[in-house]
PDB file of N, CA and C in Angstrom:
ATOM      1  N   VAL A   1      63.633 114.869 -69.639  1.00  0.00           N
ATOM      2  CA  VAL A   1      62.625 114.973 -70.774  1.00  0.00           C
ATOM      3  C   VAL A   1      61.693 114.661 -69.496  1.00  0.00           C
ATOM      4  N   GLN A   2      59.849 115.485 -69.930  1.00  0.00           N
ATOM      5  CA  GLN A   2      58.890 115.571 -68.728  1.00  0.00           C
ATOM      6  C   GLN A   2      57.597 115.307 -69.655  1.00  0.00           C
ATOM      7  N   LEU A   3      56.894 114.999 -69.554  1.00  0.00           N
ATOM      8  CA  LEU A   3      55.482 115.517 -69.758  1.00  0.00           C
ATOM      9  C   LEU A   3      54.316 115.604 -68.821  1.00  0.00           C
ATOM     10  N   VAL A   4      53.730 116.726 -68.217  1.00  0.00           N
ATOM     11  CA  VAL A   4      53.216 116.684 -66.854  1.00  0.00           C
ATOM     12  C   VAL A   4      51.598 116.682 -68.010  1.00  0.00           C
ATOM     13  N   GLU A   5      51.159 115.828 -67.408  1.00  0.00           N
ATOM     14  CA  GLU A   5      49.032 116.122 -68.013  1.00  0.00           C
ATOM     15  C   GLU A   5      49.312 117.146 -66.829  1.00  0.00           C
ATOM     16  N   SER A   6      47.488 118.120 -67.138  1.00  0.00           N
ATOM     17  CA  SER A   6      47.142 118.725 -65.824  1.00  0.00           C
ATOM     18  C   SER A   6      45.435 118.803 -66.769  1.00  0.00           C
ATOM     19  N   GLY A   7      44.541 119.305 -65.656  1.00  0.00           N
ATOM     20  CA  GLY A   7      43.177 120.038 -65.842  1.00  0.00           C
ATOM     21  C   GLY A   7      42.350 118.798 -65.770  1.00  0.00           C
ATOM     22  N   GLY A   8      42.432 117.275 -65.756  1.00  0.00           N
ATOM     23  CA  GLY A   8      42.147 116.213 -65.511  1.00  0.00           C
ATOM     24  C   GLY A   8      40.366 116.585 -64.239  1.00  0.00           C
ATOM     25  N   GLY A   9      39.668 115.700 -63.760  1.00  0.00           N
ATOM     26  CA  GLY A   9      38.553 115.912 -62.597  1.00  0.00           C
ATOM     27  C   GLY A   9      37.107 115.115 -62.690  1.00  0.00           C
ATOM     28  N   LEU A  10      36.300 115.717 -61.824  1.00  0.00           N
ATOM     29  CA  LEU A  10      35.460 115.048 -61.511  1.00  0.00           C
ATOM     30  C   LEU A  10      33.934 116.163 -62.232  1.00  0.00           C
ATOM     31  N   VAL A  11      33.346 115.105 -63.469  1.00  0.00           N
ATOM     32  CA  VAL A  11      32.389 116.114 -64.047  1.00  0.00           C
ATOM     33  C   VAL A  11      31.987 115.785 -64.715  1.00  0.00           C
ATOM     34  N   GLN A  12      30.469 115.790 -64.237  1.00  0.00           N
ATOM     35  CA  GLN A  12      29.472 115.631 -64.593  1.00  0.00           C
ATOM     36  C   GLN A  12      29.159 115.239 -66.191  1.00  0.00           C
ATOM     37  N   ALA A  13      27.780 114.254 -67.011  1.00  0.00           N
ATOM     38  CA  ALA A  13      27.474 113.513 -67.873  1.00  0.00           C
ATOM     39  C   ALA A  13      27.568 115.147 -68.497  1.00  0.00           C
ATOM     40  N   GLY A  14      27.769 115.609 -70.094  1.00  0.00           N
ATOM     41  CA  GLY A  14      27.298 116.460 -71.107  1.00  0.00           C
ATOM     42  C   GLY A  14      28.384 118.093 -70.562  1.00  0.00           C
ATOM     43  N   GLY A  15      29.186 117.610 -69.629  1.00  0.00           N
ATOM     44  CA  GLY A  15      29.770 118.964 -69.294  1.00  0.00           C
ATOM     45  C   GLY A  15      31.689 118.391 -69.915  1.00  0.00           C
ATOM     46  N   SER A  16      32.284 119.674 -69.932  1.00  0.00           N
ATOM     47  CA  SER A  16      33.740 119.525 -70.752  1.00  0.00           C
ATOM     48  C   SER A  16      34.974 119.981 -69.549  1.00  0.00           C
ATOM     49  N   LEU A  17      35.556 119.120 -70.422  1.00  0.00           N
ATOM     50  CA  LEU A  17      37.161 119.204 -69.416  1.00  0.00           C
ATOM     51  C   LEU A  17      37.866 120.390 -70.782  1.00  0.00           C
ATOM     52  N   ARG A  18      39.189 120.302 -70.325  1.00  0.00           N
ATOM     53  CA  ARG A  18      40.456 120.875 -70.762  1.00  0.00           C
ATOM     54  C   ARG A  18      41.470 120.073 -70.352  1.00  0.00           C
ATOM     55  N   LEU A  19      42.351 119.438 -70.988  1.00  0.00           N
ATOM     56  CA  LEU A  19      43.521 118.382 -70.728  1.00  0.00           C
ATOM     57  C   LEU A  19      44.699 119.516 -70.939  1.00  0.00           C
ATOM     58  N   SER A  20      45.768 119.941 -70.214  1.00  0.00           N
ATOM     59  CA  SER A  20      46.792 120.255 -71.146  1.00  0.00           C
ATOM     60  C   SER A  20      47.051 119.131 -70.986  1.00  0.00           C
ATOM     61  N   CYS A  21      48.980 119.072 -71.544  1.00  0.00           N
ATOM     62  CA  CYS A  21      50.128 118.685 -71.166  1.00  0.00           C
ATOM     63  C   CYS A  21      51.326 119.600 -71.752  1.00  0.00           C
ATOM     64  N   ALA A  22      52.020 119.585 -70.976  1.00  0.00           N
ATOM     65  CA  ALA A  22      53.546 120.657 -71.008  1.00  0.00           C
ATOM     66  C   ALA A  22      54.199 119.360 -71.116  1.00  0.00           C
ATOM     67  N   ALA A  23      55.492 120.044 -72.205  1.00  0.00           N
ATOM     68  CA  ALA A  23      56.530 119.322 -72.942  1.00  0.00           C
ATOM     69  C   ALA A  23      57.755 119.921 -71.969  1.00  0.00           C
ATOM     70  N   SER A  24      58.676 119.170 -72.160  1.00  0.00           N
ATOM     71  CA  SER A  24      60.048 119.844 -71.637  1.00  0.00           C
ATOM     72  C   SER A  24      60.972 118.449 -71.529  1.00  0.00           C
ATOM     73  N   GLY A  25      62.446 118.736 -72.279  1.00  0.00           N
ATOM     74  CA  GLY A  25      63.373 118.230 -72.462  1.00  0.00           C
ATOM     75  C   GLY A  25      64.091 118.113 -73.494  1.00  0.00           C
ATOM     76  N   PHE A  26      63.002 117.752 -74.667  1.00  0.00           N
ATOM     77  CA  PHE A  26      63.169 117.586 -75.728  1.00  0.00           C
ATOM     78  C   PHE A  26      62.739 118.783 -76.849  1.00  0.00           C
ATOM     79  N   THR A  27      63.079 118.512 -78.362  1.00  0.00           N
ATOM     80  CA  THR A  27      62.350 119.358 -79.408  1.00  0.00           C
ATOM     81  C   THR A  27      61.608 118.923 -79.980  1.00  0.00           C
ATOM     82  N   TYR A  28      60.674 119.680 -78.943  1.00  0.00           N
ATOM     83  CA  TYR A  28      59.267 119.677 -78.845  1.00  0.00           C
ATOM     84  C   TYR A  28      58.030 119.552 -80.062  1.00  0.00           C
ATOM     85  N   ASP A  29      58.706 120.831 -81.283  1.00  0.00           N
ATOM     86  CA  ASP A  29      58.355 120.693 -82.433  1.00  0.00           C
ATOM     87  C   ASP A  29      58.251 119.363 -83.760  1.00  0.00           C
ATOM     88  N   ASP A  30      58.926 118.623 -83.424  1.00  0.00           N
ATOM     89  CA  ASP A  30      59.247 117.460 -83.952  1.00  0.00           C
ATOM     90  C   ASP A  30      59.025 116.497 -84.047  1.00  0.00           C
ATOM     91  N   TYR A  31      57.844 116.380 -83.136  1.00  0.00           N
ATOM     92  CA  TYR A  31      57.595 114.933 -82.721  1.00  0.00           C
ATOM     93  C   TYR A  31      55.643 115.095 -83.051  1.00  0.00           C
ATOM     94  N   ALA A  32      55.260 113.884 -83.141  1.00  0.00           N
ATOM     95  CA  ALA A  32      54.166 114.112 -83.392  1.00  0.00           C
ATOM     96  C   ALA A  32      53.298 113.422 -82.123  1.00  0.00           C
ATOM     97  N   ILE A  33      52.885 114.189 -81.264  1.00  0.00           N
ATOM     98  CA  ILE A  33      51.885 113.820 -80.022  1.00  0.00           C
ATOM     99  C   ILE A  33      50.382 113.409 -80.001  1.00  0.00           C
ATOM    100  N   GLY A  34      49.790 112.342 -79.060  1.00  0.00           N
ATOM    101  CA  GLY A  34      48.780 112.694 -78.627  1.00  0.00           C
ATOM    102  C   GLY A  34      48.165 112.006 -77.637  1.00  0.00           C
ATOM    103  N   TRP A  35      46.919 111.945 -77.571  1.00  0.00           N
ATOM    104  CA  TRP A  35      46.106 111.575 -76.257  1.00  0.00           C
ATOM    105  C   TRP A  35      45.932 109.691 -76.169  1.00  0.00           C
ATOM    106  N   PHE A  36      45.813 109.609 -74.780  1.00  0.00           N
ATOM    107  CA  PHE A  36      45.723 107.879 -74.857  1.00  0.00           C
ATOM    108  C   PHE A  36      44.674 108.329 -73.320  1.00  0.00           C
ATOM    109  N   ARG A  37      44.181 107.216 -73.056  1.00  0.00           N
ATOM    110  CA  ARG A  37      43.118 106.775 -72.723  1.00  0.00           C
ATOM    111  C   ARG A  37      43.232 105.246 -71.614  1.00  0.00           C
ATOM    112  N   GLN A  38      43.361 105.067 -70.365  1.00  0.00           N
ATOM    113  CA  GLN A  38      43.066 103.696 -70.108  1.00  0.00           C
ATOM    114  C   GLN A  38      42.548 103.303 -68.812  1.00  0.00           C
ATOM    115  N   ALA A  39      40.991 102.874 -69.446  1.00  0.00           N
ATOM    116  CA  ALA A  39      39.861 102.673 -68.030  1.00  0.00           C
ATOM    117  C   ALA A  39      40.231 101.586 -67.298  1.00  0.00           C
ATOM    118  N   PRO A  40      39.835 100.930 -66.264  1.00  0.00           N
ATOM    119  CA  PRO A  40      39.899  99.929 -65.102  1.00  0.00           C
ATOM    120  C   PRO A  40      39.935  98.475 -66.098  1.00  0.00           C
ATOM    121  N   GLY A  41      40.863  97.322 -66.228  1.00  0.00           N
ATOM    122  CA  GLY A  41      39.911  96.471 -66.572  1.00  0.00           C
ATOM    123  C   GLY A  41      40.395  96.333 -68.766  1.00  0.00           C
ATOM    124  N   LYS A  42      40.401  97.836 -68.793  1.00  0.00           N
ATOM    125  CA  LYS A  42      40.972  97.415 -70.428  1.00  0.00           C
ATOM    126  C   LYS A  42      42.217  98.681 -70.842  1.00  0.00           C
ATOM    127  N   GLU A  43      42.456  98.600 -71.903  1.00  0.00           N
ATOM    128  CA  GLU A  43      43.390  98.439 -72.648  1.00  0.00           C
ATOM    129  C   GLU A  43      43.725  99.622 -72.936  1.00  0.00           C
ATOM    130  N   ARG A  44      45.170 100.288 -73.320  1.00  0.00           N
ATOM    131  CA  ARG A  44      45.139 101.540 -73.233  1.00  0.00           C
ATOM    132  C   ARG A  44      44.967 101.875 -75.307  1.00  0.00           C
ATOM    133  N   GLU A  45      44.109 102.733 -74.902  1.00  0.00           N
ATOM    134  CA  GLU A  45      43.512 102.928 -76.894  1.00  0.00           C
ATOM    135  C   GLU A  45      44.064 104.695 -76.800  1.00  0.00           C
ATOM    136  N   LEU A  46      44.337 104.744 -78.038  1.00  0.00           N
ATOM    137  CA  LEU A  46      44.089 106.307 -78.764  1.00  0.00           C
ATOM    138  C   LEU A  46      42.872 107.365 -78.424  1.00  0.00           C
ATOM    139  N   VAL A  47      43.180 108.154 -78.251  1.00  0.00           N
ATOM    140  CA  VAL A  47      42.197 108.869 -78.238  1.00  0.00           C
ATOM    141  C   VAL A  47      41.988 109.843 -79.446  1.00  0.00           C
ATOM    142  N   ALA A  48      43.067 110.756 -79.729  1.00  0.00           N
ATOM    143  CA  ALA A  48      43.602 111.767 -80.297  1.00  0.00           C
ATOM    144  C   ALA A  48      45.326 112.009 -81.012  1.00  0.00           C
ATOM    145  N   GLY A  49      45.341 112.129 -81.705  1.00  0.00           N
ATOM    146  CA  GLY A  49      46.723 112.276 -81.926  1.00  0.00           C
ATOM    147  C   GLY A  49      46.542 113.441 -83.556  1.00  0.00           C
ATOM    148  N   ILE A  50      48.077 114.112 -82.982  1.00  0.00           N
ATOM    149  CA  ILE A  50      48.130 115.762 -84.174  1.00  0.00           C
ATOM    150  C   ILE A  50      49.972 115.508 -84.797  1.00  0.00           C
ATOM    151  N   SER A  51      49.452 115.925 -85.823  1.00  0.00           N
ATOM    152  CA  SER A  51      50.950 116.111 -85.965  1.00  0.00           C
ATOM    153  C   SER A  51      52.371 116.774 -85.672  1.00  0.00           C
ATOM    154  N   SER A  52      53.239 116.830 -86.013  1.00  0.00           N
ATOM    155  CA  SER A  52      54.270 117.964 -85.426  1.00  0.00           C
ATOM    156  C   SER A  52      54.250 119.030 -86.255  1.00  0.00           C
ATOM    157  N   THR A  53      53.844 119.425 -86.832  1.00  0.00           N
ATOM    158  CA  THR A  53      53.145 120.857 -88.026  1.00  0.00           C
ATOM    159  C   THR A  53      51.868 121.101 -87.328  1.00  0.00           C
ATOM    160  N   GLY A  54      51.099 120.268 -86.728  1.00  0.00           N
ATOM    161  CA  GLY A  54      49.609 120.508 -86.724  1.00  0.00           C
ATOM    162  C   GLY A  54      48.435 120.374 -87.575  1.00  0.00           C
ATOM    163  N   ASP A  55      49.077 120.270 -88.907  1.00  0.00           N
ATOM    164  CA  ASP A  55      47.999 120.716 -89.693  1.00  0.00           C
ATOM    165  C   ASP A  55      47.427 118.386 -89.625  1.00  0.00           C
ATOM    166  N   SER A  56      47.615 117.982 -89.078  1.00  0.00           N
ATOM    167  CA  SER A  56      47.069 115.998 -89.703  1.00  0.00           C
ATOM    168  C   SER A  56      46.913 116.602 -87.981  1.00  0.00           C
ATOM    169  N   THR A  57      45.383 115.742 -87.762  1.00  0.00           N
ATOM    170  CA  THR A  57      44.589 115.889 -86.577  1.00  0.00           C
ATOM    171  C   THR A  57      43.865 114.264 -86.764  1.00  0.00           C
ATOM    172  N   ASN A  58      44.188 112.960 -85.829  1.00  0.00           N
ATOM    173  CA  ASN A  58      42.441 111.755 -85.830  1.00  0.00           C
ATOM    174  C   ASN A  58      42.664 111.375 -84.744  1.00  0.00           C
ATOM    175  N   TYR A  59      40.936 111.277 -84.540  1.00  0.00           N
ATOM    176  CA  TYR A  59      40.236 110.768 -83.299  1.00  0.00           C
ATOM    177  C   TYR A  59      39.934 109.415 -83.790  1.00  0.00           C
ATOM    178  N   ALA A  60      39.744 108.918 -82.254  1.00  0.00           N
ATOM    179  CA  ALA A  60      39.272 107.384 -81.986  1.00  0.00           C
ATOM    180  C   ALA A  60      37.775 107.621 -82.360  1.00  0.00           C
ATOM    181  N   ASP A  61      36.877 106.554 -83.276  1.00  0.00           N
ATOM    182  CA  ASP A  61      35.476 107.005 -83.624  1.00  0.00           C
ATOM    183  C   ASP A  61      34.854 107.841 -82.070  1.00  0.00           C
ATOM    184  N   SER A  62      34.534 106.775 -81.199  1.00  0.00           N
ATOM    185  CA  SER A  62      33.783 107.049 -79.923  1.00  0.00           C
ATOM    186  C   SER A  62      33.988 108.603 -79.841  1.00  0.00           C
ATOM    187  N   VAL A  63      35.288 109.031 -80.333  1.00  0.00           N
ATOM    188  CA  VAL A  63      35.278 110.777 -79.735  1.00  0.00           C
ATOM    189  C   VAL A  63      34.767 111.875 -81.045  1.00  0.00           C
ATOM    190  N   LYS A  64      34.765 111.509 -82.162  1.00  0.00           N
ATOM    191  CA  LYS A  64      34.857 112.402 -82.963  1.00  0.00           C
ATOM    192  C   LYS A  64      33.897 113.402 -82.627  1.00  0.00           C
ATOM    193  N   GLY A  65      33.956 114.170 -83.203  1.00  0.00           N
ATOM    194  CA  GLY A  65      32.931 115.603 -83.537  1.00  0.00           C
ATOM    195  C   GLY A  65      32.159 116.079 -81.591  1.00  0.00           C
ATOM    196  N   ARG A  66      32.931 115.501 -80.340  1.00  0.00           N
ATOM    197  CA  ARG A  66      33.331 116.063 -79.210  1.00  0.00           C
ATOM    198  C   ARG A  66      34.468 116.141 -78.771  1.00  0.00           C
ATOM    199  N   PHE A  67      35.019 116.154 -79.128  1.00  0.00           N
ATOM    200  CA  PHE A  67      37.127 116.222 -78.678  1.00  0.00           C
ATOM    201  C   PHE A  67      38.226 116.612 -79.368  1.00  0.00           C
ATOM    202  N   THR A  68      38.771 117.632 -79.360  1.00  0.00           N
ATOM    203  CA  THR A  68      39.152 118.713 -80.249  1.00  0.00           C
ATOM    204  C   THR A  68      40.794 118.528 -79.573  1.00  0.00           C
ATOM    205  N   ILE A  69      42.025 117.497 -80.665  1.00  0.00           N
ATOM    206  CA  ILE A  69      43.421 117.980 -80.339  1.00  0.00           C
ATOM    207  C   ILE A  69      44.080 119.407 -80.713  1.00  0.00           C
ATOM    208  N   SER A  70      44.781 119.957 -79.705  1.00  0.00           N
ATOM    209  CA  SER A  70      45.882 121.191 -80.746  1.00  0.00           C
ATOM    210  C   SER A  70      47.246 121.468 -80.104  1.00  0.00           C
ATOM    211  N   ARG A  71      47.600 122.278 -80.550  1.00  0.00           N
ATOM    212  CA  ARG A  71      48.640 122.034 -79.654  1.00  0.00           C
ATOM    213  C   ARG A  71      49.305 123.700 -80.032  1.00  0.00           C
ATOM    214  N   ASP A  72      50.668 124.084 -78.908  1.00  0.00           N
ATOM    215  CA  ASP A  72      51.266 125.335 -79.415  1.00  0.00           C
ATOM    216  C   ASP A  72      52.519 124.845 -79.300  1.00  0.00           C
ATOM    217  N   ASN A  73      52.873 124.840 -79.943  1.00  0.00           N
ATOM    218  CA  ASN A  73      54.657 124.568 -80.291  1.00  0.00           C
ATOM    219  C   ASN A  73      55.696 126.276 -79.637  1.00  0.00           C
ATOM    220  N   ALA A  74      55.064 127.260 -79.628  1.00  0.00           N
ATOM    221  CA  ALA A  74      55.283 128.412 -79.018  1.00  0.00           C
ATOM    222  C   ALA A  74      55.514 127.842 -77.334  1.00  0.00           C
ATOM    223  N   LYS A  75      54.232 127.120 -76.723  1.00  0.00           N
ATOM    224  CA  LYS A  75      54.289 126.561 -75.325  1.00  0.00           C
ATOM    225  C   LYS A  75      55.109 125.456 -75.129  1.00  0.00           C
ATOM    226  N   ASN A  76      55.239 125.138 -76.095  1.00  0.00           N
ATOM    227  CA  ASN A  76      55.836 123.490 -75.893  1.00  0.00           C
ATOM    228  C   ASN A  76      54.062 122.663 -75.207  1.00  0.00           C
ATOM    229  N   THR A  77      53.174 122.694 -75.530  1.00  0.00           N
ATOM    230  CA  THR A  77      51.568 122.437 -74.796  1.00  0.00           C
ATOM    231  C   THR A  77      51.044 121.747 -75.761  1.00  0.00           C
ATOM    232  N   MET A  78      50.673 120.649 -75.342  1.00  0.00           N
ATOM    233  CA  MET A  78      49.643 120.374 -76.469  1.00  0.00           C
ATOM    234  C   MET A  78      47.868 119.969 -75.672  1.00  0.00           C
ATOM    235  N   TYR A  79      47.276 120.352 -75.864  1.00  0.00           N
ATOM    236  CA  TYR A  79      45.345 120.602 -75.498  1.00  0.00           C
ATOM    237  C   TYR A  79      44.743 118.920 -75.850  1.00  0.00           C
ATOM    238  N   LEU A  80      43.353 118.941 -75.257  1.00  0.00           N
ATOM    239  CA  LEU A  80      42.371 117.839 -75.492  1.00  0.00           C
ATOM    240  C   LEU A  80      41.758 118.478 -74.680  1.00  0.00           C
ATOM    241  N   GLN A  81      40.614 119.573 -75.702  1.00  0.00           N
ATOM    242  CA  GLN A  81      39.722 119.937 -75.473  1.00  0.00           C
ATOM    243  C   GLN A  81      38.085 118.609 -75.590  1.00  0.00           C
ATOM    244  N   MET A  82      37.552 118.531 -74.362  1.00  0.00           N
ATOM    245  CA  MET A  82      36.659 117.387 -74.121  1.00  0.00           C
ATOM    246  C   MET A  82      35.393 118.022 -74.090  1.00  0.00           C
ATOM    247  N   ASN A  83      34.407 117.773 -74.731  1.00  0.00           N
ATOM    248  CA  ASN A  83      32.671 118.596 -74.795  1.00  0.00           C
ATOM    249  C   ASN A  83      32.139 117.019 -74.697  1.00  0.00           C
ATOM    250  N   SER A  84      30.545 117.756 -74.072  1.00  0.00           N
ATOM    251  CA  SER A  84      29.595 116.356 -74.374  1.00  0.00           C
ATOM    252  C   SER A  84      30.306 114.699 -73.386  1.00  0.00           C
ATOM    253  N   LEU A  85      31.255 115.026 -72.547  1.00  0.00           N
ATOM    254  CA  LEU A  85      31.968 113.948 -71.381  1.00  0.00           C
ATOM    255  C   LEU A  85      30.098 113.284 -71.166  1.00  0.00           C
ATOM    256  N   LYS A  86      30.917 111.387 -71.602  1.00  0.00           N
ATOM    257  CA  LYS A  86      29.874 110.703 -71.385  1.00  0.00           C
ATOM    258  C   LYS A  86      30.646 109.859 -69.949  1.00  0.00           C
ATOM    259  N   PRO A  87      29.956 109.312 -69.241  1.00  0.00           N
ATOM    260  CA  PRO A  87      30.662 108.009 -68.548  1.00  0.00           C
ATOM    261  C   PRO A  87      31.229 106.884 -68.901  1.00  0.00           C
ATOM    262  N   GLU A  88      31.447 106.960 -70.413  1.00  0.00           N
ATOM    263  CA  GLU A  88      32.242 105.881 -70.702  1.00  0.00           C
ATOM    264  C   GLU A  88      33.790 106.491 -71.158  1.00  0.00           C
ATOM    265  N   ASP A  89      33.923 108.312 -71.141  1.00  0.00           N
ATOM    266  CA  ASP A  89      35.021 108.937 -71.328  1.00  0.00           C
ATOM    267  C   ASP A  89      35.371 108.331 -70.076  1.00  0.00           C
ATOM    268  N   THR A  90      35.183 108.024 -69.100  1.00  0.00           N
ATOM    269  CA  THR A  90      35.964 108.177 -67.517  1.00  0.00           C
ATOM    270  C   THR A  90      37.742 106.928 -67.902  1.00  0.00           C
ATOM    271  N   ALA A  91      38.730 107.622 -67.165  1.00  0.00           N
ATOM    272  CA  ALA A  91      39.821 106.650 -67.894  1.00  0.00           C
ATOM    273  C   ALA A  91      41.073 107.998 -67.279  1.00  0.00           C
ATOM    274  N   MET A  92      41.799 107.164 -66.884  1.00  0.00           N
ATOM    275  CA  MET A  92      43.652 107.582 -66.910  1.00  0.00           C
ATOM    276  C   MET A  92      44.067 108.011 -68.061  1.00  0.00           C
ATOM    277  N   TYR A  93      44.070 109.417 -68.338  1.00  0.00           N
ATOM    278  CA  TYR A  93      44.157 110.396 -69.546  1.00  0.00           C
ATOM    279  C   TYR A  93      45.875 110.356 -69.485  1.00  0.00           C
ATOM    280  N   TYR A  94      46.692 110.233 -70.563  1.00  0.00           N
ATOM    281  CA  TYR A  94      48.094 110.069 -70.763  1.00  0.00           C
ATOM    282  C   TYR A  94      48.047 111.243 -72.373  1.00  0.00           C
ATOM    283  N   CYS A  95      48.934 111.839 -72.154  1.00  0.00           N
ATOM    284  CA  CYS A  95      49.995 112.612 -73.291  1.00  0.00           C
ATOM    285  C   CYS A  95      51.208 111.615 -73.790  1.00  0.00           C
ATOM    286  N   ARG A  96      51.177 111.403 -74.986  1.00  0.00           N
ATOM    287  CA  ARG A  96      52.176 111.397 -75.425  1.00  0.00           C
ATOM    288  C   ARG A  96      52.717 111.654 -76.654  1.00  0.00           C
ATOM    289  N   GLY A  97      54.857 112.031 -77.025  1.00  0.00           N
ATOM    290  CA  GLY A  97      55.507 112.638 -77.928  1.00  0.00           C
ATOM    291  C   GLY A  97      56.409 111.607 -78.294  1.00  0.00           C
ATOM    292  N   ARG A  98      56.057 111.583 -79.816  1.00  0.00           N
ATOM    293  CA  ARG A  98      57.020 110.496 -80.528  1.00  0.00           C
ATOM    294  C   ARG A  98      57.986 110.530 -81.764  1.00  0.00           C
ATOM    295  N   ARG A  99      58.728 110.138 -82.073  1.00  0.00           N
ATOM    296  CA  ARG A  99      59.532 111.020 -83.623  1.00  0.00           C
ATOM    297  C   ARG A  99      60.491 109.486 -83.260  1.00  0.00           C
ATOM    298  N   LEU A 100      60.637 108.649 -84.628  1.00  0.00           N
ATOM    299  CA  LEU A 100      61.511 107.384 -84.338  1.00  0.00           C
ATOM    300  C   LEU A 100      61.520 106.900 -84.063  1.00  0.00           C
ATOM    301  N   MET A 101      62.578 106.746 -82.952  1.00  0.00           N
ATOM    302  CA  MET A 101      62.731 105.576 -81.642  1.00  0.00           C
ATOM    303  C   MET A 101      62.313 106.321 -80.679  1.00  0.00           C
ATOM    304  N   ASP A 102      62.557 107.587 -80.721  1.00  0.00           N
ATOM    305  CA  ASP A 102      61.720 109.016 -78.999  1.00  0.00           C
ATOM    306  C   ASP A 102      60.310 107.735 -78.916  1.00  0.00           C
ATOM    307  N   ASP A 103      60.193 107.605 -77.402  1.00  0.00           N
ATOM    308  CA  ASP A 103      58.836 107.438 -76.822  1.00  0.00           C
ATOM    309  C   ASP A 103      58.425 108.297 -75.625  1.00  0.00           C
ATOM    310  N   TYR A 104      57.962 109.252 -75.271  1.00  0.00           N
ATOM    311  CA  TYR A 104      57.900 109.851 -74.509  1.00  0.00           C
ATOM    312  C   TYR A 104      56.390 109.763 -74.082  1.00  0.00           C
ATOM    313  N   TRP A 105      56.091 109.381 -72.637  1.00  0.00           N
ATOM    314  CA  TRP A 105      55.078 109.233 -71.877  1.00  0.00           C
ATOM    315  C   TRP A 105      54.837 109.972 -70.716  1.00  0.00           C
ATOM    316  N   GLY A 106      53.664 110.394 -70.479  1.00  0.00           N
ATOM    317  CA  GLY A 106      53.482 111.420 -69.183  1.00  0.00           C
ATOM    318  C   GLY A 106      52.870 110.357 -67.683  1.00  0.00           C
ATOM    319  N   GLN A 107      52.748 111.227 -66.970  1.00  0.00           N
ATOM    320  CA  GLN A 107      52.280 110.211 -66.037  1.00  0.00           C
ATOM    321  C   GLN A 107      50.250 110.272 -65.357  1.00  0.00           C
ATOM    322  N   GLY A 108      50.127 110.921 -66.426  1.00  0.00           N
ATOM    323  CA  GLY A 108      48.078 110.550 -66.546  1.00  0.00           C
ATOM    324  C   GLY A 108      47.865 111.712 -65.444  1.00  0.00           C
ATOM    325  N   THR A 109      46.647 112.253 -65.865  1.00  0.00           N
ATOM    326  CA  THR A 109      45.370 112.631 -65.105  1.00  0.00           C
ATOM    327  C   THR A 109      44.112 112.044 -65.502  1.00  0.00           C
ATOM    328  N   GLN A 110      43.789 111.983 -64.086  1.00  0.00           N
ATOM    329  CA  GLN A 110      42.676 111.471 -63.911  1.00  0.00           C
ATOM    330  C   GLN A 110      41.481 111.806 -64.585  1.00  0.00           C
ATOM    331  N   VAL A 111      39.905 111.644 -65.120  1.00  0.00           N
ATOM    332  CA  VAL A 111      39.068 112.203 -66.101  1.00  0.00           C
ATOM    333  C   VAL A 111      37.901 111.676 -65.441  1.00  0.00           C
ATOM    334  N   THR A 112      37.023 111.472 -64.319  1.00  0.00           N
ATOM    335  CA  THR A 112      35.555 110.515 -64.186  1.00  0.00           C
ATOM    336  C   THR A 112      34.445 111.834 -64.469  1.00  0.00           C
ATOM    337  N   VAL A 113      33.856 111.384 -65.276  1.00  0.00           N
ATOM    338  CA  VAL A 113      33.094 111.556 -65.690  1.00  0.00           C
ATOM    339  C   VAL A 113      31.350 110.711 -65.058  1.00  0.00           C
ATOM    340  N   SER A 114      30.620 111.629 -63.722  1.00  0.00           N
ATOM    341  CA  SER A 114      29.367 110.937 -63.471  1.00  0.00           C
ATOM    342  C   SER A 114      28.344 110.866 -64.654  1.00  0.00           C
ATOM    343  N   SER A 115      27.250 110.319 -63.711  1.00  0.00           N
ATOM    344  CA  SER A 115      26.051 110.023 -64.377  1.00  0.00           C
ATOM    345  C   SER A 115      25.146 110.418 -64.097  1.00  0.00           C
TER     346      SER A 115
END
């Protein structure tokens, strides 16, 4: 089982990034997926989640209207489009796949937003 994130980097405030998470080794279509982030000294928090079918999404209040989560089940890949980035969005971003007792995490990709 693997979840591999990509797309992180350094961006100026107001800029955009698109994170990707490629999944393998499990039946991706059956899993709810999400993006989490963890800043230094802070707890890991949910950024956005999407149901297995893609018809239901939820977002942290801090990113509503700026971030969009999506998934392409044909490609076993999920995405996080991040617009209007702020310095407080700086964190390590992780993708997660979850179904019943199965819970898989990626290794993370760093996002740094400069002011």
